[in-house]
């Protein structure tokens, strides 16, 4: 499996998508092309790297494996958060409310959340 193919598969799986779903979003007729790319059988033309990145919500550098592992972890976490925003309306509402609160008040909320997490 190629680095690009592995990164595409991981980003797709984090979004909870099947190969069929990614193929549909990429405009392919079947999952065959996505499967071959993920398995490293087919190389991706340069003009498709950007489209894969946009569809998957990651950077082209992430797909190519050009960014550090720490940056990849942060990006992976962002992909997970974005996926949750798309699928969990309560989470979306909470994040929307937080976005409207001034930064100095968000710090107090972060402290409260940290204390709640420590109580587990």
PDB file of N, CA and C in Angstrom:
ATOM      1  N   UNK A   1       0.847  -1.174   0.000  1.00  0.00           N
ATOM      2  CA  UNK A   1       0.000   0.000   0.000  1.00  0.00           C
ATOM      3  C   UNK A   1       0.894   1.240   0.000  1.00  0.00           C
ATOM      4  N   UNK A   2       0.568   2.205  -0.836  1.00  0.00           N
ATOM      5  CA  UNK A   2       1.345   3.436  -0.910  1.00  0.00           C
ATOM      6  C   UNK A   2       0.998   4.349   0.262  1.00  0.00           C
ATOM      7  N   UNK A   3       1.890   5.282   0.535  1.00  0.00           N
ATOM      8  CA  UNK A   3       1.648   6.264   1.604  1.00  0.00           C
ATOM      9  C   UNK A   3       0.381   7.063   1.314  1.00  0.00           C
ATOM     10  N   UNK A   4       0.232   7.498   0.074  1.00  0.00           N
ATOM     11  CA  UNK A   4      -0.953   8.276  -0.302  1.00  0.00           C
ATOM     12  C   UNK A   4      -2.208   7.431  -0.137  1.00  0.00           C
ATOM     13  N   UNK A   5      -2.173   6.216  -0.620  1.00  0.00           N
ATOM     14  CA  UNK A   5      -3.328   5.329  -0.504  1.00  0.00           C
ATOM     15  C   UNK A   5      -3.700   5.068   0.940  1.00  0.00           C
ATOM     16  N   UNK A   6      -2.683   4.855   1.776  1.00  0.00           N
ATOM     17  CA  UNK A   6      -2.933   4.619   3.206  1.00  0.00           C
ATOM     18  C   UNK A   6      -3.575   5.842   3.845  1.00  0.00           C
ATOM     19  N   UNK A   7      -3.062   7.031   3.513  1.00  0.00           N
ATOM     20  CA  UNK A   7      -3.597   8.257   4.097  1.00  0.00           C
ATOM     21  C   UNK A   7      -5.021   8.535   3.625  1.00  0.00           C
ATOM     22  N   UNK A   8      -5.320   8.209   2.386  1.00  0.00           N
ATOM     23  CA  UNK A   8      -6.689   8.363   1.883  1.00  0.00           C
ATOM     24  C   UNK A   8      -7.618   7.415   2.631  1.00  0.00           C
ATOM     25  N   UNK A   9      -7.199   6.172   2.787  1.00  0.00           N
ATOM     26  CA  UNK A   9      -8.034   5.190   3.499  1.00  0.00           C
ATOM     27  C   UNK A   9      -8.294   5.634   4.933  1.00  0.00           C
ATOM     28  N   UNK A  10      -7.234   6.086   5.629  1.00  0.00           N
ATOM     29  CA  UNK A  10      -7.393   6.515   7.020  1.00  0.00           C
ATOM     30  C   UNK A  10      -8.335   7.709   7.138  1.00  0.00           C
ATOM     31  N   UNK A  11      -8.183   8.689   6.246  1.00  0.00           N
ATOM     32  CA  UNK A  11      -9.064   9.864   6.284  1.00  0.00           C
ATOM     33  C   UNK A  11     -10.506   9.462   5.982  1.00  0.00           C
ATOM     34  N   UNK A  12     -10.688   8.569   5.024  1.00  0.00           N
ATOM     35  CA  UNK A  12     -12.038   8.089   4.679  1.00  0.00           C
ATOM     36  C   UNK A  12     -12.665   7.368   5.862  1.00  0.00           C
ATOM     37  N   UNK A  13     -11.903   6.494   6.497  1.00  0.00           N
ATOM     38  CA  UNK A  13     -12.427   5.727   7.629  1.00  0.00           C
ATOM     39  C   UNK A  13     -12.753   6.626   8.814  1.00  0.00           C
ATOM     40  N   UNK A  14     -11.944   7.657   9.036  1.00  0.00           N
ATOM     41  CA  UNK A  14     -12.227   8.582  10.144  1.00  0.00           C
ATOM     42  C   UNK A  14     -13.543   9.324   9.924  1.00  0.00           C
ATOM     43  N   UNK A  15     -13.892   9.530   8.671  1.00  0.00           N
ATOM     44  CA  UNK A  15     -15.166  10.177   8.354  1.00  0.00           C
ATOM     45  C   UNK A  15     -16.327   9.190   8.389  1.00  0.00           C
ATOM     46  N   UNK A  16     -16.000   7.909   8.522  1.00  0.00           N
ATOM     47  CA  UNK A  16     -17.044   6.885   8.555  1.00  0.00           C
ATOM     48  C   UNK A  16     -17.616   6.568   7.184  1.00  0.00           C
ATOM     49  N   UNK A  17     -16.851   6.849   6.148  1.00  0.00           N
ATOM     50  CA  UNK A  17     -17.322   6.630   4.782  1.00  0.00           C
ATOM     51  C   UNK A  17     -16.855   5.285   4.251  1.00  0.00           C
ATOM     52  N   UNK A  18     -17.665   4.700   3.389  1.00  0.00           N
ATOM     53  CA  UNK A  18     -17.270   3.514   2.643  1.00  0.00           C
ATOM     54  C   UNK A  18     -16.500   3.970   1.405  1.00  0.00           C
ATOM     55  N   UNK A  19     -15.889   3.011   0.735  1.00  0.00           N
ATOM     56  CA  UNK A  19     -15.242   3.343  -0.538  1.00  0.00           C
ATOM     57  C   UNK A  19     -16.278   3.828  -1.540  1.00  0.00           C
ATOM     58  N   UNK A  20     -17.477   3.269  -1.482  1.00  0.00           N
ATOM     59  CA  UNK A  20     -18.550   3.700  -2.382  1.00  0.00           C
ATOM     60  C   UNK A  20     -18.887   5.172  -2.158  1.00  0.00           C
ATOM     61  N   UNK A  21     -18.956   5.588  -0.886  1.00  0.00           N
ATOM     62  CA  UNK A  21     -19.281   6.983  -0.565  1.00  0.00           C
ATOM     63  C   UNK A  21     -18.196   7.918  -1.075  1.00  0.00           C
ATOM     64  N   UNK A  22     -16.934   7.573  -0.854  1.00  0.00           N
ATOM     65  CA  UNK A  22     -15.846   8.414  -1.344  1.00  0.00           C
ATOM     66  C   UNK A  22     -15.864   8.465  -2.865  1.00  0.00           C
ATOM     67  N   UNK A  23     -16.087   7.330  -3.496  1.00  0.00           N
ATOM     68  CA  UNK A  23     -16.149   7.299  -4.964  1.00  0.00           C
ATOM     69  C   UNK A  23     -17.247   8.230  -5.470  1.00  0.00           C
ATOM     70  N   UNK A  24     -18.410   8.185  -4.838  1.00  0.00           N
ATOM     71  CA  UNK A  24     -19.530   9.042  -5.250  1.00  0.00           C
ATOM     72  C   UNK A  24     -19.145  10.514  -5.107  1.00  0.00           C
ATOM     73  N   UNK A  25     -18.521  10.867  -3.985  1.00  0.00           N
ATOM     74  CA  UNK A  25     -18.136  12.258  -3.746  1.00  0.00           C
ATOM     75  C   UNK A  25     -17.022  12.720  -4.692  1.00  0.00           C
ATOM     76  N   UNK A  26     -16.217  11.770  -5.152  1.00  0.00           N
ATOM     77  CA  UNK A  26     -15.151  12.095  -6.104  1.00  0.00           C
ATOM     78  C   UNK A  26     -15.669  12.149  -7.540  1.00  0.00           C
ATOM     79  N   UNK A  27     -16.889  11.651  -7.757  1.00  0.00           N
ATOM     80  CA  UNK A  27     -17.455  11.640  -9.100  1.00  0.00           C
ATOM     81  C   UNK A  27     -17.119  10.394  -9.893  1.00  0.00           C
ATOM     82  N   UNK A  28     -16.662   9.335  -9.217  1.00  0.00           N
ATOM     83  CA  UNK A  28     -16.356   8.075  -9.883  1.00  0.00           C
ATOM     84  C   UNK A  28     -17.627   7.241 -10.001  1.00  0.00           C
ATOM     85  N   UNK A  29     -17.662   6.367 -10.989  1.00  0.00           N
ATOM     86  CA  UNK A  29     -18.837   5.519 -11.207  1.00  0.00           C
ATOM     87  C   UNK A  29     -18.910   4.350 -10.237  1.00  0.00           C
ATOM     88  N   UNK A  30     -17.762   3.909  -9.742  1.00  0.00           N
ATOM     89  CA  UNK A  30     -17.764   2.781  -8.809  1.00  0.00           C
ATOM     90  C   UNK A  30     -16.625   2.951  -7.810  1.00  0.00           C
ATOM     91  N   UNK A  31     -16.606   2.057  -6.815  1.00  0.00           N
ATOM     92  CA  UNK A  31     -15.562   2.113  -5.791  1.00  0.00           C
ATOM     93  C   UNK A  31     -14.232   1.568  -6.291  1.00  0.00           C
ATOM     94  N   UNK A  32     -14.218   0.981  -7.463  1.00  0.00           N
ATOM     95  CA  UNK A  32     -13.024   0.326  -7.985  1.00  0.00           C
ATOM     96  C   UNK A  32     -11.810   1.258  -8.012  1.00  0.00           C
ATOM     97  N   UNK A  33     -12.012   2.484  -8.479  1.00  0.00           N
ATOM     98  CA  UNK A  33     -10.895   3.430  -8.560  1.00  0.00           C
ATOM     99  C   UNK A  33     -10.359   3.748  -7.174  1.00  0.00           C
ATOM    100  N   UNK A  34     -11.261   4.007  -6.222  1.00  0.00           N
ATOM    101  CA  UNK A  34     -10.842   4.308  -4.849  1.00  0.00           C
ATOM    102  C   UNK A  34     -10.090   3.116  -4.266  1.00  0.00           C
ATOM    103  N   UNK A  35     -10.608   1.920  -4.479  1.00  0.00           N
ATOM    104  CA  UNK A  35      -9.958   0.712  -3.966  1.00  0.00           C
ATOM    105  C   UNK A  35      -8.542   0.578  -4.525  1.00  0.00           C
ATOM    106  N   UNK A  36      -8.383   0.789  -5.816  1.00  0.00           N
ATOM    107  CA  UNK A  36      -7.059   0.661  -6.440  1.00  0.00           C
ATOM    108  C   UNK A  36      -6.088   1.731  -5.940  1.00  0.00           C
ATOM    109  N   UNK A  37      -6.602   2.944  -5.700  1.00  0.00           N
ATOM    110  CA  UNK A  37      -5.751   4.010  -5.161  1.00  0.00           C
ATOM    111  C   UNK A  37      -5.319   3.657  -3.743  1.00  0.00           C
ATOM    112  N   UNK A  38      -6.273   3.226  -2.912  1.00  0.00           N
ATOM    113  CA  UNK A  38      -5.954   2.885  -1.524  1.00  0.00           C
ATOM    114  C   UNK A  38      -4.979   1.712  -1.439  1.00  0.00           C
ATOM    115  N   UNK A  39      -5.085   0.770  -2.339  1.00  0.00           N
ATOM    116  CA  UNK A  39      -4.207  -0.399  -2.330  1.00  0.00           C
ATOM    117  C   UNK A  39      -2.844  -0.114  -2.967  1.00  0.00           C
ATOM    118  N   UNK A  40      -2.694   1.055  -3.589  1.00  0.00           N
ATOM    119  CA  UNK A  40      -1.436   1.406  -4.224  1.00  0.00           C
ATOM    120  C   UNK A  40      -1.273   0.816  -5.608  1.00  0.00           C
ATOM    121  N   UNK A  41      -2.363   0.294  -6.165  1.00  0.00           N
ATOM    122  CA  UNK A  41      -2.321  -0.294  -7.505  1.00  0.00           C
ATOM    123  C   UNK A  41      -2.284   0.810  -8.556  1.00  0.00           C
ATOM    124  N   UNK A  42      -3.088   1.847  -8.351  1.00  0.00           N
ATOM    125  CA  UNK A  42      -3.117   2.996  -9.256  1.00  0.00           C
ATOM    126  C   UNK A  42      -2.511   4.208  -8.568  1.00  0.00           C
ATOM    127  N   UNK A  43      -1.662   4.931  -9.297  1.00  0.00           N
ATOM    128  CA  UNK A  43      -1.175   6.217  -8.806  1.00  0.00           C
ATOM    129  C   UNK A  43      -2.259   7.260  -9.043  1.00  0.00           C
ATOM    130  N   UNK A  44      -2.226   8.306  -8.242  1.00  0.00           N
ATOM    131  CA  UNK A  44      -3.206   9.379  -8.389  1.00  0.00           C
ATOM    132  C   UNK A  44      -2.584  10.486  -9.223  1.00  0.00           C
ATOM    133  N   UNK A  45      -3.276  10.931 -10.263  1.00  0.00           N
ATOM    134  CA  UNK A  45      -2.773  12.084 -11.012  1.00  0.00           C
ATOM    135  C   UNK A  45      -2.730  13.313 -10.096  1.00  0.00           C
ATOM    136  N   UNK A  46      -1.790  14.210 -10.349  1.00  0.00           N
ATOM    137  CA  UNK A  46      -1.645  15.402  -9.510  1.00  0.00           C
ATOM    138  C   UNK A  46      -2.943  16.183  -9.388  1.00  0.00           C
ATOM    139  N   UNK A  47      -3.691  16.275 -10.478  1.00  0.00           N
ATOM    140  CA  UNK A  47      -4.919  17.066 -10.432  1.00  0.00           C
ATOM    141  C   UNK A  47      -5.984  16.439  -9.535  1.00  0.00           C
ATOM    142  N   UNK A  48      -5.835  15.167  -9.173  1.00  0.00           N
ATOM    143  CA  UNK A  48      -6.806  14.506  -8.291  1.00  0.00           C
ATOM    144  C   UNK A  48      -6.409  14.591  -6.820  1.00  0.00           C
ATOM    145  N   UNK A  49      -5.128  14.850  -6.529  1.00  0.00           N
ATOM    146  CA  UNK A  49      -4.684  14.955  -5.133  1.00  0.00           C
ATOM    147  C   UNK A  49      -5.468  16.056  -4.425  1.00  0.00           C
ATOM    148  N   UNK A  50      -5.581  17.218  -5.058  1.00  0.00           N
ATOM    149  CA  UNK A  50      -6.296  18.334  -4.447  1.00  0.00           C
ATOM    150  C   UNK A  50      -7.762  17.986  -4.230  1.00  0.00           C
ATOM    151  N   UNK A  51      -8.374  17.328  -5.212  1.00  0.00           N
ATOM    152  CA  UNK A  51      -9.786  16.972  -5.058  1.00  0.00           C
ATOM    153  C   UNK A  51      -9.980  15.976  -3.913  1.00  0.00           C
ATOM    154  N   UNK A  52      -9.131  14.952  -3.836  1.00  0.00           N
ATOM    155  CA  UNK A  52      -9.217  14.006  -2.713  1.00  0.00           C
ATOM    156  C   UNK A  52      -9.090  14.765  -1.388  1.00  0.00           C
ATOM    157  N   UNK A  53      -8.113  15.671  -1.306  1.00  0.00           N
ATOM    158  CA  UNK A  53      -7.890  16.425  -0.070  1.00  0.00           C
ATOM    159  C   UNK A  53      -9.124  17.247   0.294  1.00  0.00           C
ATOM    160  N   UNK A  54      -9.704  17.931  -0.680  1.00  0.00           N
ATOM    161  CA  UNK A  54     -10.884  18.753  -0.413  1.00  0.00           C
ATOM    162  C   UNK A  54     -12.062  17.896   0.030  1.00  0.00           C
ATOM    163  N   UNK A  55     -12.294  16.809  -0.661  1.00  0.00           N
ATOM    164  CA  UNK A  55     -13.420  15.929  -0.331  1.00  0.00           C
ATOM    165  C   UNK A  55     -13.248  15.328   1.060  1.00  0.00           C
ATOM    166  N   UNK A  56     -12.018  14.962   1.412  1.00  0.00           N
ATOM    167  CA  UNK A  56     -11.749  14.320   2.702  1.00  0.00           C
ATOM    168  C   UNK A  56     -11.513  15.311   3.843  1.00  0.00           C
ATOM    169  N   UNK A  57     -11.402  16.590   3.516  1.00  0.00           N
ATOM    170  CA  UNK A  57     -11.203  17.597   4.556  1.00  0.00           C
ATOM    171  C   UNK A  57      -9.815  17.598   5.161  1.00  0.00           C
ATOM    172  N   UNK A  58      -8.814  17.243   4.353  1.00  0.00           N
ATOM    173  CA  UNK A  58      -7.423  17.258   4.809  1.00  0.00           C
ATOM    174  C   UNK A  58      -6.598  18.051   3.802  1.00  0.00           C
ATOM    175  N   UNK A  59      -5.349  18.315   4.132  1.00  0.00           N
ATOM    176  CA  UNK A  59      -4.487  19.042   3.202  1.00  0.00           C
ATOM    177  C   UNK A  59      -3.843  18.068   2.217  1.00  0.00           C
ATOM    178  N   UNK A  60      -3.486  18.565   1.029  1.00  0.00           N
ATOM    179  CA  UNK A  60      -2.731  17.716   0.107  1.00  0.00           C
ATOM    180  C   UNK A  60      -1.428  17.221   0.741  1.00  0.00           C
ATOM    181  N   UNK A  61      -0.793  18.061   1.560  1.00  0.00           N
ATOM    182  CA  UNK A  61       0.441  17.656   2.247  1.00  0.00           C
ATOM    183  C   UNK A  61       0.194  16.469   3.162  1.00  0.00           C
ATOM    184  N   UNK A  62      -0.965  16.455   3.799  1.00  0.00           N
ATOM    185  CA  UNK A  62      -1.324  15.325   4.667  1.00  0.00           C
ATOM    186  C   UNK A  62      -1.439  14.050   3.833  1.00  0.00           C
ATOM    187  N   UNK A  63      -2.147  14.128   2.716  1.00  0.00           N
ATOM    188  CA  UNK A  63      -2.310  12.938   1.870  1.00  0.00           C
ATOM    189  C   UNK A  63      -0.974  12.424   1.359  1.00  0.00           C
ATOM    190  N   UNK A  64      -0.083  13.347   1.015  1.00  0.00           N
ATOM    191  CA  UNK A  64       1.209  12.958   0.459  1.00  0.00           C
ATOM    192  C   UNK A  64       2.185  12.484   1.533  1.00  0.00           C
ATOM    193  N   UNK A  65       1.867  12.728   2.801  1.00  0.00           N
ATOM    194  CA  UNK A  65       2.772  12.337   3.882  1.00  0.00           C
ATOM    195  C   UNK A  65       3.918  13.312   4.061  1.00  0.00           C
ATOM    196  N   UNK A  66       3.719  14.570   3.661  1.00  0.00           N
ATOM    197  CA  UNK A  66       4.781  15.569   3.719  1.00  0.00           C
ATOM    198  C   UNK A  66       4.817  16.347   5.023  1.00  0.00           C
ATOM    199  N   UNK A  67       3.850  16.170   5.884  1.00  0.00           N
ATOM    200  CA  UNK A  67       3.816  16.926   7.134  1.00  0.00           C
ATOM    201  C   UNK A  67       4.265  16.027   8.278  1.00  0.00           C
ATOM    202  N   UNK A  68       4.663  16.643   9.375  1.00  0.00           N
ATOM    203  CA  UNK A  68       5.177  15.877  10.511  1.00  0.00           C
ATOM    204  C   UNK A  68       4.087  15.012  11.125  1.00  0.00           C
ATOM    205  N   UNK A  69       4.506  14.020  11.889  1.00  0.00           N
ATOM    206  CA  UNK A  69       3.555  13.129  12.548  1.00  0.00           C
ATOM    207  C   UNK A  69       2.682  13.911  13.528  1.00  0.00           C
ATOM    208  N   UNK A  70       3.279  14.877  14.221  1.00  0.00           N
ATOM    209  CA  UNK A  70       2.504  15.694  15.168  1.00  0.00           C
ATOM    210  C   UNK A  70       1.422  16.482  14.430  1.00  0.00           C
ATOM    211  N   UNK A  71       1.792  17.062  13.299  1.00  0.00           N
ATOM    212  CA  UNK A  71       0.812  17.792  12.500  1.00  0.00           C
ATOM    213  C   UNK A  71      -0.251  16.842  11.983  1.00  0.00           C
ATOM    214  N   UNK A  72       0.164  15.651  11.556  1.00  0.00           N
ATOM    215  CA  UNK A  72      -0.806  14.653  11.106  1.00  0.00           C
ATOM    216  C   UNK A  72      -1.795  14.314  12.211  1.00  0.00           C
ATOM    217  N   UNK A  73      -1.308  14.150  13.447  1.00  0.00           N
ATOM    218  CA  UNK A  73      -2.196  13.821  14.567  1.00  0.00           C
ATOM    219  C   UNK A  73      -3.194  14.941  14.811  1.00  0.00           C
ATOM    220  N   UNK A  74      -2.711  16.191  14.740  1.00  0.00           N
ATOM    221  CA  UNK A  74      -3.620  17.326  14.914  1.00  0.00           C
ATOM    222  C   UNK A  74      -4.658  17.353  13.797  1.00  0.00           C
ATOM    223  N   UNK A  75      -4.205  17.144  12.574  1.00  0.00           N
ATOM    224  CA  UNK A  75      -5.135  17.124  11.446  1.00  0.00           C
ATOM    225  C   UNK A  75      -6.121  15.975  11.574  1.00  0.00           C
ATOM    226  N   UNK A  76      -5.636  14.813  11.992  1.00  0.00           N
ATOM    227  CA  UNK A  76      -6.514  13.660  12.172  1.00  0.00           C
ATOM    228  C   UNK A  76      -7.578  13.962  13.218  1.00  0.00           C
ATOM    229  N   UNK A  77      -7.158  14.626  14.300  1.00  0.00           N
ATOM    230  CA  UNK A  77      -8.121  14.990  15.344  1.00  0.00           C
ATOM    231  C   UNK A  77      -9.158  15.964  14.784  1.00  0.00           C
ATOM    232  N   UNK A  78      -8.708  16.917  13.974  1.00  0.00           N
ATOM    233  CA  UNK A  78      -9.643  17.860  13.364  1.00  0.00           C
ATOM    234  C   UNK A  78     -10.634  17.146  12.456  1.00  0.00           C
ATOM    235  N   UNK A  79     -10.170  16.165  11.712  1.00  0.00           N
ATOM    236  CA  UNK A  79     -11.071  15.388  10.853  1.00  0.00           C
ATOM    237  C   UNK A  79     -12.127  14.696  11.705  1.00  0.00           C
ATOM    238  N   UNK A  80     -11.704  14.139  12.841  1.00  0.00           N
ATOM    239  CA  UNK A  80     -12.660  13.475  13.738  1.00  0.00           C
ATOM    240  C   UNK A  80     -13.673  14.468  14.296  1.00  0.00           C
ATOM    241  N   UNK A  81     -13.200  15.655  14.679  1.00  0.00           N
ATOM    242  CA  UNK A  81     -14.104  16.678  15.213  1.00  0.00           C
ATOM    243  C   UNK A  81     -15.083  17.131  14.136  1.00  0.00           C
ATOM    244  N   UNK A  82     -14.587  17.345  12.928  1.00  0.00           N
ATOM    245  CA  UNK A  82     -15.462  17.764  11.831  1.00  0.00           C
ATOM    246  C   UNK A  82     -16.504  16.693  11.544  1.00  0.00           C
ATOM    247  N   UNK A  83     -16.089  15.447  11.553  1.00  0.00           N
ATOM    248  CA  UNK A  83     -17.043  14.356  11.327  1.00  0.00           C
ATOM    249  C   UNK A  83     -18.114  14.356  12.415  1.00  0.00           C
ATOM    250  N   UNK A  84     -17.702  14.602  13.659  1.00  0.00           N
ATOM    251  CA  UNK A  84     -18.674  14.637  14.759  1.00  0.00           C
ATOM    252  C   UNK A  84     -19.603  15.841  14.619  1.00  0.00           C
ATOM    253  N   UNK A  85     -19.070  16.972  14.165  1.00  0.00           N
ATOM    254  CA  UNK A  85     -19.914  18.143  13.931  1.00  0.00           C
ATOM    255  C   UNK A  85     -20.997  17.843  12.896  1.00  0.00           C
ATOM    256  N   UNK A  86     -20.642  17.034  11.906  1.00  0.00           N
ATOM    257  CA  UNK A  86     -21.593  16.695  10.840  1.00  0.00           C
ATOM    258  C   UNK A  86     -22.661  15.715  11.302  1.00  0.00           C
ATOM    259  N   UNK A  87     -22.343  14.889  12.285  1.00  0.00           N
ATOM    260  CA  UNK A  87     -23.248  13.789  12.629  1.00  0.00           C
ATOM    261  C   UNK A  87     -23.935  13.928  13.983  1.00  0.00           C
ATOM    262  N   UNK A  88     -23.444  14.800  14.846  1.00  0.00           N
ATOM    263  CA  UNK A  88     -23.986  14.917  16.203  1.00  0.00           C
ATOM    264  C   UNK A  88     -24.509  16.340  16.408  1.00  0.00           C
ATOM    265  N   UNK A  89     -25.823  16.506  16.351  1.00  0.00           N
ATOM    266  CA  UNK A  89     -26.405  17.851  16.425  1.00  0.00           C
ATOM    267  C   UNK A  89     -26.161  18.510  17.786  1.00  0.00           C
ATOM    268  N   UNK A  90     -26.150  17.733  18.867  1.00  0.00           N
ATOM    269  CA  UNK A  90     -25.865  18.311  20.186  1.00  0.00           C
ATOM    270  C   UNK A  90     -24.441  18.866  20.244  1.00  0.00           C
ATOM    271  N   UNK A  91     -23.500  18.119  19.683  1.00  0.00           N
ATOM    272  CA  UNK A  91     -22.105  18.566  19.638  1.00  0.00           C
ATOM    273  C   UNK A  91     -21.997  19.843  18.804  1.00  0.00           C
ATOM    274  N   UNK A  92     -22.674  19.860  17.665  1.00  0.00           N
ATOM    275  CA  UNK A  92     -22.672  21.039  16.793  1.00  0.00           C
ATOM    276  C   UNK A  92     -23.214  22.260  17.543  1.00  0.00           C
ATOM    277  N   UNK A  93     -24.341  22.077  18.242  1.00  0.00           N
ATOM    278  CA  UNK A  93     -24.943  23.184  18.993  1.00  0.00           C
ATOM    279  C   UNK A  93     -23.993  23.702  20.070  1.00  0.00           C
ATOM    280  N   UNK A  94     -23.337  22.795  20.779  1.00  0.00           N
ATOM    281  CA  UNK A  94     -22.404  23.184  21.837  1.00  0.00           C
ATOM    282  C   UNK A  94     -21.229  23.978  21.268  1.00  0.00           C
ATOM    283  N   UNK A  95     -20.651  23.502  20.186  1.00  0.00           N
ATOM    284  CA  UNK A  95     -19.523  24.203  19.565  1.00  0.00           C
ATOM    285  C   UNK A  95     -19.970  25.567  19.045  1.00  0.00           C
ATOM    286  N   UNK A  96     -21.166  25.635  18.479  1.00  0.00           N
ATOM    287  CA  UNK A  96     -21.688  26.919  17.995  1.00  0.00           C
ATOM    288  C   UNK A  96     -21.835  27.920  19.135  1.00  0.00           C
ATOM    289  N   UNK A  97     -22.340  27.459  20.273  1.00  0.00           N
ATOM    290  CA  UNK A  97     -22.469  28.349  21.437  1.00  0.00           C
ATOM    291  C   UNK A  97     -21.101  28.807  21.927  1.00  0.00           C
ATOM    292  N   UNK A  98     -20.142  27.888  21.984  1.00  0.00           N
ATOM    293  CA  UNK A  98     -18.794  28.249  22.439  1.00  0.00           C
ATOM    294  C   UNK A  98     -18.152  29.286  21.525  1.00  0.00           C
ATOM    295  N   UNK A  99     -18.415  29.181  20.235  1.00  0.00           N
ATOM    296  CA  UNK A  99     -17.820  30.107  19.273  1.00  0.00           C
ATOM    297  C   UNK A  99     -18.295  31.541  19.496  1.00  0.00           C
ATOM    298  N   UNK A 100     -19.457  31.703  20.109  1.00  0.00           N
ATOM    299  CA  UNK A 100     -20.016  33.038  20.337  1.00  0.00           C
ATOM    300  C   UNK A 100     -19.549  33.662  21.649  1.00  0.00           C
ATOM    301  N   UNK A 101     -18.866  32.903  22.486  1.00  0.00           N
ATOM    302  CA  UNK A 101     -18.421  33.384  23.793  1.00  0.00           C
ATOM    303  C   UNK A 101     -17.036  34.021  23.644  1.00  0.00           C
ATOM    304  N   UNK A 102     -16.807  35.175  24.289  1.00  0.00           N
ATOM    305  CA  UNK A 102     -15.484  35.816  24.220  1.00  0.00           C
ATOM    306  C   UNK A 102     -14.374  34.884  24.730  1.00  0.00           C
ATOM    307  N   UNK A 103     -13.182  35.066  24.199  1.00  0.00           N
ATOM    308  CA  UNK A 103     -12.047  34.185  24.500  1.00  0.00           C
ATOM    309  C   UNK A 103     -11.764  34.079  25.994  1.00  0.00           C
ATOM    310  N   UNK A 104     -11.827  35.190  26.707  1.00  0.00           N
ATOM    311  CA  UNK A 104     -11.511  35.135  28.143  1.00  0.00           C
ATOM    312  C   UNK A 104     -12.525  34.285  28.908  1.00  0.00           C
ATOM    313  N   UNK A 105     -13.765  34.261  28.470  1.00  0.00           N
ATOM    314  CA  UNK A 105     -14.768  33.413  29.113  1.00  0.00           C
ATOM    315  C   UNK A 105     -14.607  31.949  28.698  1.00  0.00           C
ATOM    316  N   UNK A 106     -14.138  31.723  27.475  1.00  0.00           N
ATOM    317  CA  UNK A 106     -13.897  30.340  27.032  1.00  0.00           C
ATOM    318  C   UNK A 106     -12.830  29.677  27.891  1.00  0.00           C
ATOM    319  N   UNK A 107     -11.867  30.450  28.372  1.00  0.00           N
ATOM    320  CA  UNK A 107     -10.829  29.891  29.246  1.00  0.00           C
ATOM    321  C   UNK A 107     -11.453  29.352  30.530  1.00  0.00           C
ATOM    322  N   UNK A 108     -12.426  30.058  31.068  1.00  0.00           N
ATOM    323  CA  UNK A 108     -13.120  29.580  32.274  1.00  0.00           C
ATOM    324  C   UNK A 108     -13.893  28.305  31.983  1.00  0.00           C
ATOM    325  N   UNK A 109     -14.508  28.261  30.820  1.00  0.00           N
ATOM    326  CA  UNK A 109     -15.261  27.063  30.431  1.00  0.00           C
ATOM    327  C   UNK A 109     -14.311  25.886  30.250  1.00  0.00           C
ATOM    328  N   UNK A 110     -13.147  26.138  29.665  1.00  0.00           N
ATOM    329  CA  UNK A 110     -12.158  25.069  29.485  1.00  0.00           C
ATOM    330  C   UNK A 110     -11.726  24.508  30.834  1.00  0.00           C
ATOM    331  N   UNK A 111     -11.555  25.376  31.819  1.00  0.00           N
ATOM    332  CA  UNK A 111     -11.198  24.908  33.169  1.00  0.00           C
ATOM    333  C   UNK A 111     -12.304  24.044  33.752  1.00  0.00           C
ATOM    334  N   UNK A 112     -13.544  24.450  33.563  1.00  0.00           N
ATOM    335  CA  UNK A 112     -14.685  23.678  34.057  1.00  0.00           C
ATOM    336  C   UNK A 112     -14.742  22.309  33.383  1.00  0.00           C
ATOM    337  N   UNK A 113     -14.556  22.279  32.082  1.00  0.00           N
ATOM    338  CA  UNK A 113     -14.583  21.010  31.346  1.00  0.00           C
ATOM    339  C   UNK A 113     -13.444  20.105  31.814  1.00  0.00           C
ATOM    340  N   UNK A 114     -12.264  20.667  32.029  1.00  0.00           N
ATOM    341  CA  UNK A 114     -11.134  19.867  32.529  1.00  0.00           C
ATOM    342  C   UNK A 114     -11.456  19.255  33.883  1.00  0.00           C
ATOM    343  N   UNK A 115     -12.093  20.033  34.752  1.00  0.00           N
ATOM    344  CA  UNK A 115     -12.470  19.520  36.074  1.00  0.00           C
ATOM    345  C   UNK A 115     -13.503  18.400  35.947  1.00  0.00           C
ATOM    346  N   UNK A 116     -14.459  18.563  35.040  1.00  0.00           N
ATOM    347  CA  UNK A 116     -15.469  17.516  34.824  1.00  0.00           C
ATOM    348  C   UNK A 116     -14.837  16.237  34.287  1.00  0.00           C
ATOM    349  N   UNK A 117     -13.883  16.379  33.375  1.00  0.00           N
ATOM    350  CA  UNK A 117     -13.210  15.207  32.810  1.00  0.00           C
ATOM    351  C   UNK A 117     -12.408  14.474  33.876  1.00  0.00           C
ATOM    352  N   UNK A 118     -11.840  15.215  34.822  1.00  0.00           N
ATOM    353  CA  UNK A 118     -11.032  14.608  35.884  1.00  0.00           C
ATOM    354  C   UNK A 118     -11.889  13.803  36.857  1.00  0.00           C
ATOM    355  N   UNK A 119     -13.182  14.090  36.903  1.00  0.00           N
ATOM    356  CA  UNK A 119     -14.085  13.396  37.819  1.00  0.00           C
ATOM    357  C   UNK A 119     -14.485  12.012  37.330  1.00  0.00           C
ATOM    358  N   UNK A 120     -14.171  11.673  36.110  1.00  0.00           N
ATOM    359  CA  UNK A 120     -14.569  10.371  35.544  1.00  0.00           C
ATOM    360  C   UNK A 120     -14.108   9.224  36.387  1.00  0.00           C
TER     361      UNK A 120
END
